[in-house]
Amino acid sequence: MINRGDGAEPGDGKAAQPAHGDVELLARRLAKDTDISEDEARELIKLIGPDWTSLVREARFLKGRH
């Protein structure tokens, strides 16, 4: 069994969290593509994980509430 070091185990339903540098790149892209702040994007990544489809859906929902 591979230990990813993030507390998640294969098949446990927890999303693997990306490395810090990856979070920054993902946050920048999400903010640019959905017109939310990078801080909001980082918070979504922290809550949801790195799944792009889910991040975009939630970012659009968040943007619609502002």
N, C-alpha and C. Protein backbone atom coordinates (compact mmCIF):
# COMPACT_ATOMS: atom_id res chain seq x y z
N MET A 1 0.85 -1.18 0.00
CA MET A 1 0.00 0.00 0.00
C MET A 1 0.89 1.24 0.00
N ILE A 2 0.55 2.22 -0.80
CA ILE A 2 1.33 3.45 -0.91
C ILE A 2 0.83 4.46 0.12
N ASN A 3 1.74 5.02 0.88
CA ASN A 3 1.40 6.09 1.82
C ASN A 3 1.67 7.42 1.14
N ARG A 4 0.62 8.15 0.87
CA ARG A 4 0.75 9.43 0.19
C ARG A 4 1.15 10.55 1.14
N GLY A 5 1.14 10.30 2.42
CA GLY A 5 1.55 11.31 3.39
C GLY A 5 0.52 12.39 3.66
N ASP A 6 -0.71 12.20 3.17
CA ASP A 6 -1.74 13.23 3.36
C ASP A 6 -2.89 12.73 4.23
N GLY A 7 -2.73 11.56 4.82
CA GLY A 7 -3.78 11.01 5.67
C GLY A 7 -4.84 10.24 4.92
N ALA A 8 -4.83 10.31 3.60
CA ALA A 8 -5.81 9.59 2.80
C ALA A 8 -5.25 8.23 2.42
N GLU A 9 -6.09 7.25 2.38
CA GLU A 9 -5.73 5.91 1.95
C GLU A 9 -6.52 5.58 0.69
N PRO A 10 -5.97 4.76 -0.19
CA PRO A 10 -6.72 4.39 -1.39
C PRO A 10 -8.09 3.83 -1.03
N GLY A 11 -9.12 4.35 -1.68
CA GLY A 11 -10.47 3.85 -1.48
C GLY A 11 -11.18 4.37 -0.25
N ASP A 12 -10.60 5.32 0.48
CA ASP A 12 -11.25 5.80 1.69
C ASP A 12 -12.18 6.98 1.46
N GLY A 13 -12.26 7.46 0.21
CA GLY A 13 -13.16 8.57 -0.11
C GLY A 13 -12.57 9.94 0.14
N LYS A 14 -11.35 10.01 0.65
CA LYS A 14 -10.70 11.30 0.89
C LYS A 14 -9.88 11.67 -0.33
N ALA A 15 -9.99 12.91 -0.76
CA ALA A 15 -9.20 13.38 -1.90
C ALA A 15 -7.77 13.65 -1.45
N ALA A 16 -6.82 13.26 -2.28
CA ALA A 16 -5.43 13.57 -2.01
C ALA A 16 -5.23 15.07 -2.19
N GLN A 17 -4.53 15.68 -1.28
CA GLN A 17 -4.26 17.11 -1.38
C GLN A 17 -2.99 17.32 -2.20
N PRO A 18 -3.03 18.25 -3.14
CA PRO A 18 -1.85 18.51 -3.96
C PRO A 18 -0.76 19.21 -3.15
N ALA A 19 0.47 19.14 -3.65
CA ALA A 19 1.60 19.83 -3.02
C ALA A 19 1.37 21.33 -3.07
N HIS A 20 2.03 22.08 -2.18
CA HIS A 20 1.82 23.52 -2.05
C HIS A 20 2.00 24.25 -3.39
N GLY A 21 3.06 23.95 -4.12
CA GLY A 21 3.29 24.61 -5.41
C GLY A 21 2.18 24.31 -6.40
N ASP A 22 1.68 23.08 -6.35
CA ASP A 22 0.57 22.71 -7.23
C ASP A 22 -0.70 23.46 -6.85
N VAL A 23 -0.91 23.67 -5.56
CA VAL A 23 -2.08 24.43 -5.09
C VAL A 23 -2.02 25.85 -5.64
N GLU A 24 -0.85 26.45 -5.59
CA GLU A 24 -0.71 27.83 -6.08
C GLU A 24 -1.01 27.92 -7.57
N LEU A 25 -0.49 26.99 -8.35
CA LEU A 25 -0.76 26.98 -9.80
C LEU A 25 -2.25 26.75 -10.06
N LEU A 26 -2.83 25.79 -9.36
CA LEU A 26 -4.24 25.49 -9.53
C LEU A 26 -5.10 26.67 -9.11
N ALA A 27 -4.75 27.32 -8.00
CA ALA A 27 -5.51 28.48 -7.52
C ALA A 27 -5.45 29.62 -8.52
N ARG A 28 -4.26 29.86 -9.07
CA ARG A 28 -4.12 30.93 -10.07
C ARG A 28 -4.99 30.66 -11.29
N ARG A 29 -4.95 29.42 -11.77
CA ARG A 29 -5.75 29.07 -12.95
C ARG A 29 -7.24 29.15 -12.65
N LEU A 30 -7.66 28.63 -11.50
CA LEU A 30 -9.08 28.67 -11.13
C LEU A 30 -9.56 30.10 -11.00
N ALA A 31 -8.76 30.95 -10.36
CA ALA A 31 -9.13 32.36 -10.20
C ALA A 31 -9.27 33.04 -11.55
N LYS A 32 -8.33 32.80 -12.44
CA LYS A 32 -8.35 33.42 -13.77
C LYS A 32 -9.55 32.93 -14.59
N ASP A 33 -9.79 31.62 -14.56
CA ASP A 33 -10.85 31.05 -15.39
C ASP A 33 -12.26 31.34 -14.88
N THR A 34 -12.41 31.57 -13.58
CA THR A 34 -13.75 31.73 -13.01
C THR A 34 -13.99 33.10 -12.38
N ASP A 35 -13.00 33.96 -12.41
CA ASP A 35 -13.12 35.32 -11.89
C ASP A 35 -13.44 35.37 -10.40
N ILE A 36 -12.79 34.48 -9.62
CA ILE A 36 -12.84 34.57 -8.17
C ILE A 36 -11.43 34.95 -7.71
N SER A 37 -11.28 35.31 -6.45
CA SER A 37 -9.95 35.68 -5.95
C SER A 37 -9.10 34.42 -5.77
N GLU A 38 -7.79 34.61 -5.76
CA GLU A 38 -6.90 33.47 -5.51
C GLU A 38 -7.09 32.92 -4.10
N ASP A 39 -7.41 33.78 -3.14
CA ASP A 39 -7.69 33.30 -1.78
C ASP A 39 -8.92 32.40 -1.77
N GLU A 40 -9.97 32.82 -2.48
CA GLU A 40 -11.18 31.98 -2.57
C GLU A 40 -10.86 30.67 -3.27
N ALA A 41 -10.04 30.73 -4.30
CA ALA A 41 -9.66 29.52 -5.03
C ALA A 41 -8.89 28.56 -4.13
N ARG A 42 -7.94 29.08 -3.35
CA ARG A 42 -7.17 28.23 -2.43
C ARG A 42 -8.08 27.58 -1.39
N GLU A 43 -9.06 28.33 -0.90
CA GLU A 43 -10.00 27.77 0.08
C GLU A 43 -10.82 26.64 -0.54
N LEU A 44 -11.27 26.83 -1.77
CA LEU A 44 -12.02 25.76 -2.45
C LEU A 44 -11.15 24.52 -2.63
N ILE A 45 -9.90 24.71 -3.02
CA ILE A 45 -8.98 23.58 -3.20
C ILE A 45 -8.78 22.85 -1.88
N LYS A 46 -8.66 23.61 -0.80
CA LYS A 46 -8.51 23.01 0.53
C LYS A 46 -9.74 22.17 0.90
N LEU A 47 -10.92 22.68 0.57
CA LEU A 47 -12.17 21.99 0.92
C LEU A 47 -12.50 20.82 0.00
N ILE A 48 -12.26 21.00 -1.30
CA ILE A 48 -12.71 20.04 -2.31
C ILE A 48 -11.62 19.09 -2.76
N GLY A 49 -10.39 19.58 -2.79
CA GLY A 49 -9.30 18.81 -3.37
C GLY A 49 -9.04 19.28 -4.79
N PRO A 50 -8.22 18.57 -5.53
CA PRO A 50 -7.78 19.05 -6.84
C PRO A 50 -8.68 18.69 -8.02
N ASP A 51 -9.88 18.20 -7.78
CA ASP A 51 -10.76 17.81 -8.89
C ASP A 51 -11.24 19.05 -9.64
N TRP A 52 -10.73 19.24 -10.87
CA TRP A 52 -10.98 20.47 -11.63
C TRP A 52 -12.47 20.71 -11.88
N THR A 53 -13.19 19.69 -12.28
CA THR A 53 -14.62 19.85 -12.59
C THR A 53 -15.39 20.34 -11.36
N SER A 54 -15.12 19.75 -10.22
CA SER A 54 -15.79 20.16 -8.98
C SER A 54 -15.39 21.57 -8.57
N LEU A 55 -14.11 21.89 -8.74
CA LEU A 55 -13.64 23.23 -8.39
C LEU A 55 -14.31 24.30 -9.24
N VAL A 56 -14.40 24.07 -10.54
CA VAL A 56 -15.03 25.05 -11.43
C VAL A 56 -16.50 25.20 -11.09
N ARG A 57 -17.18 24.09 -10.86
CA ARG A 57 -18.61 24.14 -10.50
C ARG A 57 -18.82 24.98 -9.25
N GLU A 58 -18.04 24.71 -8.21
CA GLU A 58 -18.19 25.44 -6.95
C GLU A 58 -17.77 26.89 -7.08
N ALA A 59 -16.74 27.17 -7.86
CA ALA A 59 -16.30 28.55 -8.07
C ALA A 59 -17.39 29.35 -8.78
N ARG A 60 -18.02 28.76 -9.76
CA ARG A 60 -19.11 29.45 -10.48
C ARG A 60 -20.29 29.70 -9.55
N PHE A 61 -20.59 28.73 -8.70
CA PHE A 61 -21.66 28.90 -7.72
C PHE A 61 -21.30 30.04 -6.76
N LEU A 62 -20.06 30.04 -6.28
CA LEU A 62 -19.59 31.09 -5.38
C LEU A 62 -19.66 32.45 -6.06
N LYS A 63 -19.22 32.54 -7.29
CA LYS A 63 -19.23 33.80 -8.03
C LYS A 63 -20.67 34.30 -8.21
N GLY A 64 -21.60 33.40 -8.44
CA GLY A 64 -22.99 33.77 -8.63
C GLY A 64 -23.64 34.33 -7.37
N ARG A 65 -23.06 34.03 -6.21
CA ARG A 65 -23.61 34.51 -4.94
C ARG A 65 -23.10 35.90 -4.59
N HIS A 66 -22.08 36.38 -5.28
CA HIS A 66 -21.50 37.71 -4.98
C HIS A 66 -22.22 38.79 -5.71
